Amino acid sequence: MSNYMCEQMKKWVRYNDELYATNIATCVLNALFAFGTIVGNAMVILAIVRTTALHKPSYILLCTLAFSDFCVGLIVQPLFTAVRIAEMTNNSDLYCKLGMAYFSTCGVWLWLSCFTIVAVSVDRFLAVYLRMKYRVLVTVKRVMMTVGVMLLAAFLLAVAYVFKMSSYYHLINVIIPICLVFSAVCYIQISRMIAHQQQQIRSHNAQSMGGFVVARYKQSLNTVLFVYIAFLLCYLPYLGFSITISVLGRTLHTHAAYLITATLVLSNSLMNPILYYWRIPELRRAVRSISFSSIQFD
């Protein structure tokens, strides 16, 4: 199985001369993005772990997304850069080994990010739909169990690449659109429910109804919408590439599209911590309060 995959990947090295400049550009960008991705997401993870007030279901999901993004910067982007270097030096054996490592690890963390984006939208929907019952039904323990299931699913999907590359792209073409549409439907429903609650509150001339504070939920919704839109902008071009390669196969142009769209997907892991810091005051304060001098390393 691995020999077959290697033979398939070695064919892509033949585009090295035509795509040399593109390879250089993607190497530089991913090397630069990796540092910011590691630092930014590490700060988010530390802030959530060290701040007891942030030990809530919604922040657990945020921490999961940050951890996935952290692994992208620590593992996936360096591997992506190493694969490009092997490609530019026409080292097909090294290209094959690094490529297998890259696609296997990349799949795990990017699928986990995709599933977490959906989980965040569902969490916000339940927060508005359940209102006061939300804290009883949506607990940290249940969210942690959900994260475990998502990680297992991400691992199984990543393994699919090793067995059959074409099937893997078919999975991308089906699962990512479903995730994107499902999240969009959640946000549309949330907007409608909030608008309905606003009308009820205005009719009663109050600030809240049954513990439902509209301003707080609208701020939370706007924050996750920014994260969703960033995900959408970064993943849609890659989805277009995946559909194209399923039809045309690996050509000079589809390989060039892969280099560009894959870099865009990986850059999403750098955008997310910037959005958190900008949009979430509680997290921003927690990040600022971190004292690096107090961190103990064994």
Protein backbone atom coordinates (compact mmCIF):
# COMPACT_ATOMS: atom_id res chain seq x y z
CA MET A 1 0.00 0.00 0.00
CA SER A 2 2.72 2.49 1.00
CA ASN A 3 4.79 1.62 -2.09
CA TYR A 4 1.81 2.38 -4.31
CA MET A 5 1.29 5.73 -2.57
CA CYS A 6 4.97 6.57 -2.93
CA GLU A 7 4.88 5.86 -6.64
CA GLN A 8 1.88 8.13 -6.98
CA MET A 9 3.50 10.97 -5.06
CA LYS A 10 6.83 10.70 -6.88
CA LYS A 11 5.03 11.65 -10.09
CA TRP A 12 4.36 15.09 -8.64
CA VAL A 13 8.08 15.92 -8.43
CA ARG A 14 8.16 16.31 -12.21
CA TYR A 15 6.50 19.73 -11.84
CA ASN A 16 9.39 21.07 -9.77
CA ASP A 17 10.97 23.22 -12.50
CA GLU A 18 7.73 24.92 -13.53
CA LEU A 19 6.63 25.49 -9.93
CA TYR A 20 10.00 26.33 -8.38
CA ALA A 21 9.02 29.93 -7.53
CA THR A 22 5.67 28.79 -6.10
CA ASN A 23 7.45 26.22 -3.94
CA ILE A 24 9.86 28.87 -2.64
CA ALA A 25 7.00 31.24 -1.82
CA THR A 26 4.98 28.60 0.02
CA CYS A 27 8.09 27.51 1.97
CA VAL A 28 8.76 31.05 3.15
CA LEU A 29 5.12 31.76 4.04
CA ASN A 30 4.62 28.52 5.97
CA ALA A 31 7.91 28.92 7.84
CA LEU A 32 6.87 32.44 8.89
CA PHE A 33 3.29 31.48 9.71
CA ALA A 34 4.38 28.47 11.77
CA PHE A 35 6.09 30.61 14.42
CA GLY A 36 3.10 32.90 14.88
CA THR A 37 0.74 29.92 14.89
CA ILE A 38 2.67 28.15 17.64
CA VAL A 39 3.03 31.21 19.86
CA GLY A 40 -0.50 32.54 19.34
CA ASN A 41 -2.27 29.26 20.02
CA ALA A 42 0.03 28.35 22.91
CA MET A 43 -0.99 31.62 24.58
CA VAL A 44 -4.67 30.81 24.09
CA ILE A 45 -4.27 27.29 25.49
CA LEU A 46 -2.30 28.49 28.51
CA ALA A 47 -4.80 31.27 29.20
CA ILE A 48 -7.75 28.86 29.17
CA VAL A 49 -6.01 26.13 31.18
CA ARG A 50 -4.68 28.54 33.84
CA THR A 51 -7.88 30.60 34.23
CA THR A 52 -10.54 28.78 36.25
CA ALA A 53 -13.26 31.17 35.11
CA LEU A 54 -12.72 29.95 31.54
CA HIS A 55 -13.27 26.29 32.36
CA LYS A 56 -16.60 26.25 30.53
CA PRO A 57 -17.92 24.11 27.64
CA SER A 58 -17.57 26.89 25.05
CA TYR A 59 -13.97 27.57 26.08
CA ILE A 60 -13.17 23.85 26.06
CA LEU A 61 -14.15 23.80 22.39
CA LEU A 62 -12.11 26.95 21.81
CA CYS A 63 -9.15 25.29 23.52
CA THR A 64 -9.61 22.21 21.31
CA LEU A 65 -9.51 24.38 18.20
CA ALA A 66 -6.43 26.19 19.54
CA PHE A 67 -4.72 22.87 20.28
CA SER A 68 -5.47 21.64 16.76
CA ASP A 69 -4.09 24.89 15.33
CA PHE A 70 -1.04 24.63 17.60
CA CYS A 71 -0.29 21.17 16.18
CA VAL A 72 -0.62 22.58 12.68
CA GLY A 73 2.10 25.13 13.45
CA LEU A 74 4.31 22.69 15.35
CA ILE A 75 4.03 19.64 13.07
CA VAL A 76 2.12 20.20 9.84
CA GLN A 77 3.63 23.45 8.55
CA PRO A 78 7.26 22.33 9.14
CA LEU A 79 6.46 19.06 7.36
CA PHE A 80 4.81 20.94 4.50
CA THR A 81 7.94 23.09 4.16
CA ALA A 82 10.20 20.02 4.30
CA VAL A 83 8.15 18.30 1.58
CA ARG A 84 8.52 21.36 -0.65
CA ILE A 85 12.30 21.37 -0.11
CA ALA A 86 12.49 17.67 -1.01
CA GLU A 87 10.44 18.42 -4.10
CA MET A 88 12.72 21.29 -5.16
CA THR A 89 15.83 19.14 -4.71
CA ASN A 90 14.26 16.29 -6.72
CA ASN A 91 14.79 13.89 -3.82
CA SER A 92 11.88 11.61 -4.61
CA ASP A 93 12.54 9.08 -1.82
CA LEU A 94 12.67 11.77 0.87
CA TYR A 95 9.70 13.47 -0.78
CA CYS A 96 7.71 10.26 -0.48
CA LYS A 97 8.55 9.65 3.20
CA LEU A 98 7.94 13.26 4.24
CA GLY A 99 4.81 13.39 2.11
CA MET A 100 3.30 10.37 3.83
CA ALA A 101 4.09 11.87 7.24
CA TYR A 102 2.67 15.24 6.20
CA PHE A 103 -0.63 13.98 4.79
CA SER A 104 -1.22 11.64 7.74
CA THR A 105 -0.68 14.28 10.43
CA CYS A 106 -2.24 17.07 8.41
CA GLY A 107 -5.46 15.12 8.03
CA VAL A 108 -5.86 14.54 11.77
CA TRP A 109 -5.56 18.18 12.83
CA LEU A 110 -7.42 19.76 9.92
CA TRP A 111 -10.32 17.34 10.26
CA LEU A 112 -10.39 18.04 14.00
CA SER A 113 -10.54 21.77 13.25
CA CYS A 114 -13.41 21.20 10.84
CA PHE A 115 -15.39 19.17 13.36
CA THR A 116 -14.69 21.66 16.14
CA ILE A 117 -16.03 24.51 14.01
CA VAL A 118 -19.28 22.54 13.72
CA ALA A 119 -19.29 21.78 17.45
CA VAL A 120 -18.87 25.48 18.25
CA SER A 121 -21.89 26.37 16.11
CA VAL A 122 -23.97 23.64 17.77
CA ASP A 123 -22.84 24.84 21.21
CA ARG A 124 -23.96 28.41 20.46
CA PHE A 125 -27.26 27.11 19.08
CA LEU A 126 -27.91 25.11 22.25
CA ALA A 127 -26.96 28.10 24.41
CA VAL A 128 -29.70 30.19 22.78
CA TYR A 129 -32.24 27.37 22.37
CA LEU A 130 -31.92 25.89 25.86
CA ARG A 131 -31.20 29.16 27.69
CA MET A 132 -31.20 28.40 31.44
CA LYS A 133 -31.15 24.62 30.82
CA TYR A 134 -27.92 24.98 28.82
CA ARG A 135 -25.63 24.87 31.86
CA VAL A 136 -27.34 21.73 33.13
CA LEU A 137 -27.31 19.78 29.86
CA VAL A 138 -24.09 21.02 28.26
CA THR A 139 -21.35 20.18 30.75
CA VAL A 140 -17.57 20.17 30.55
CA LYS A 141 -17.54 16.37 30.88
CA ARG A 142 -19.92 15.91 27.95
CA VAL A 143 -17.99 18.36 25.82
CA MET A 144 -14.74 16.52 26.60
CA MET A 145 -16.37 13.26 25.51
CA THR A 146 -17.48 14.95 22.29
CA VAL A 147 -13.93 16.16 21.68
CA GLY A 148 -12.68 12.59 22.12
CA VAL A 149 -15.16 11.32 19.51
CA MET A 150 -14.17 14.10 17.10
CA LEU A 151 -10.48 13.27 17.52
CA LEU A 152 -11.15 9.59 16.82
CA ALA A 153 -13.18 10.47 13.70
CA ALA A 154 -10.42 12.81 12.52
CA PHE A 155 -7.82 10.06 12.96
CA LEU A 156 -9.90 7.53 11.01
CA LEU A 157 -10.45 9.98 8.15
CA ALA A 158 -6.72 10.77 8.03
CA VAL A 159 -5.94 7.05 7.78
CA ALA A 160 -8.20 6.90 4.71
CA TYR A 161 -5.59 8.89 2.78
CA VAL A 162 -2.99 6.16 3.27
CA PHE A 163 -5.30 3.51 1.86
CA LYS A 164 -6.66 5.35 -1.15
CA MET A 165 -5.88 8.92 -2.11
CA SER A 166 -8.80 9.35 -4.54
CA SER A 167 -11.29 8.23 -1.90
CA TYR A 168 -9.78 10.75 0.51
CA TYR A 169 -10.54 13.63 -1.82
CA HIS A 170 -14.07 12.31 -2.29
CA LEU A 171 -14.46 12.43 1.50
CA ILE A 172 -13.28 16.04 1.49
CA ASN A 173 -15.76 16.90 -1.27
CA VAL A 174 -18.62 15.49 0.79
CA ILE A 175 -17.78 16.11 4.46
CA ILE A 176 -16.44 19.68 4.33
CA PRO A 177 -19.51 21.06 2.48
CA ILE A 178 -21.78 19.25 4.96
CA CYS A 179 -19.87 20.80 7.88
CA LEU A 180 -19.98 24.27 6.33
CA VAL A 181 -23.68 24.10 5.49
CA PHE A 182 -24.62 22.61 8.87
CA SER A 183 -22.78 25.39 10.70
CA ALA A 184 -24.38 28.03 8.48
CA VAL A 185 -27.85 26.64 9.25
CA CYS A 186 -27.07 26.77 12.98
CA TYR A 187 -26.05 30.42 12.76
CA ILE A 188 -29.13 31.34 10.73
CA GLN A 189 -31.35 29.67 13.31
CA ILE A 190 -29.49 31.40 16.14
CA SER A 191 -30.01 34.80 14.47
CA ARG A 192 -33.72 34.12 14.11
CA MET A 193 -34.10 33.02 17.73
CA ILE A 194 -32.20 36.06 19.00
CA ALA A 195 -34.34 38.38 16.86
CA HIS A 196 -37.47 36.72 18.28
CA GLN A 197 -36.19 37.11 21.83
CA GLN A 198 -35.41 40.77 21.18
CA GLN A 199 -38.98 41.40 20.10
CA GLN A 200 -40.31 39.74 23.23
CA ILE A 201 -37.96 41.71 25.45
CA ARG A 202 -38.92 45.01 23.80
CA SER A 203 -42.59 44.22 24.29
CA HIS A 204 -41.92 43.71 28.01
CA ASN A 205 -39.59 46.72 28.20
CA ALA A 206 -36.85 44.69 29.89
CA GLN A 207 -33.15 43.95 29.49
CA SER A 208 -33.56 40.19 29.60
CA MET A 209 -36.17 37.44 29.73
CA GLY A 210 -35.85 34.27 31.74
CA GLY A 211 -32.14 34.88 32.25
CA PHE A 212 -31.56 35.36 28.51
CA VAL A 213 -29.36 38.45 28.05
CA VAL A 214 -29.51 39.33 24.37
CA ALA A 215 -26.44 41.57 24.28
CA ARG A 216 -24.21 38.84 25.71
CA TYR A 217 -25.40 36.19 23.28
CA LYS A 218 -25.14 38.55 20.32
CA GLN A 219 -21.51 39.29 21.21
CA SER A 220 -20.78 35.57 21.51
CA LEU A 221 -22.51 34.90 18.19
CA ASN A 222 -20.56 37.64 16.41
CA THR A 223 -17.28 36.21 17.71
CA VAL A 224 -17.89 32.65 16.50
CA LEU A 225 -19.21 34.05 13.20
CA PHE A 226 -15.84 35.72 12.61
CA VAL A 227 -14.12 32.40 13.26
CA TYR A 228 -16.54 30.60 10.94
CA ILE A 229 -16.10 33.16 8.15
CA ALA A 230 -12.29 32.91 8.42
CA PHE A 231 -12.61 29.12 8.19
CA LEU A 232 -14.91 29.48 5.18
CA LEU A 233 -12.56 31.83 3.33
CA CYS A 234 -9.55 29.57 3.94
CA TYR A 235 -11.19 26.22 3.18
CA LEU A 236 -13.44 27.01 0.21
CA PRO A 237 -10.52 27.44 -2.25
CA TYR A 238 -9.08 24.10 -1.08
CA LEU A 239 -12.49 22.51 -1.54
CA GLY A 240 -12.48 23.86 -5.09
CA PHE A 241 -9.06 22.29 -5.63
CA SER A 242 -10.26 18.96 -4.20
CA ILE A 243 -13.22 18.88 -6.57
CA THR A 244 -11.01 19.81 -9.52
CA ILE A 245 -8.38 17.16 -8.82
CA SER A 246 -11.10 14.53 -8.45
CA VAL A 247 -12.14 15.34 -12.02
CA LEU A 248 -8.85 16.22 -13.76
CA GLY A 249 -6.28 14.37 -11.70
CA ARG A 250 -2.85 15.75 -10.76
CA THR A 251 -1.68 18.16 -13.47
CA LEU A 252 0.68 21.14 -13.46
CA HIS A 253 -2.19 23.53 -12.78
CA THR A 254 -3.91 21.43 -10.13
CA HIS A 255 -0.59 20.90 -8.35
CA ALA A 256 -0.01 24.68 -8.36
CA ALA A 257 -3.54 25.14 -7.01
CA TYR A 258 -2.76 22.62 -4.28
CA LEU A 259 0.34 24.52 -3.12
CA ILE A 260 -1.58 27.79 -2.90
CA THR A 261 -4.82 26.50 -1.38
CA ALA A 262 -3.02 24.24 1.14
CA THR A 263 -1.01 27.24 2.32
CA LEU A 264 -4.24 29.20 2.71
CA VAL A 265 -5.81 26.39 4.75
CA LEU A 266 -2.79 26.22 7.05
CA SER A 267 -2.83 30.00 7.51
CA ASN A 268 -6.25 29.68 9.15
CA SER A 269 -4.45 28.33 12.22
CA LEU A 270 -2.69 31.70 12.56
CA MET A 271 -5.87 33.74 12.02
CA ASN A 272 -7.85 32.07 14.80
CA PRO A 273 -5.81 33.20 17.85
CA ILE A 274 -5.76 36.74 16.41
CA LEU A 275 -9.57 36.66 16.20
CA TYR A 276 -9.87 35.31 19.75
CA TYR A 277 -7.64 38.05 21.14
CA TRP A 278 -9.54 40.71 19.24
CA ARG A 279 -13.09 39.54 19.90
CA ILE A 280 -13.07 37.92 23.37
CA PRO A 281 -12.32 40.35 26.23
CA GLU A 282 -12.21 37.62 28.90
CA LEU A 283 -9.64 35.66 26.95
CA ARG A 284 -7.66 38.80 26.15
CA ARG A 285 -7.41 39.63 29.85
CA ALA A 286 -6.41 36.03 30.64
CA VAL A 287 -3.65 36.13 28.02
CA ARG A 288 -2.34 39.42 29.37
CA SER A 289 -2.29 38.05 32.91
CA ILE A 290 -0.06 35.11 32.03
CA SER A 291 3.27 35.43 33.83
CA PHE A 292 5.86 33.46 31.91
CA SER A 293 8.27 33.66 34.82
CA SER A 294 5.91 31.45 36.85
CA ILE A 295 5.86 28.60 34.30
CA GLN A 296 7.85 25.64 35.56
CA PHE A 297 9.55 23.29 33.12
CA ASP A 298 10.58 19.84 34.25
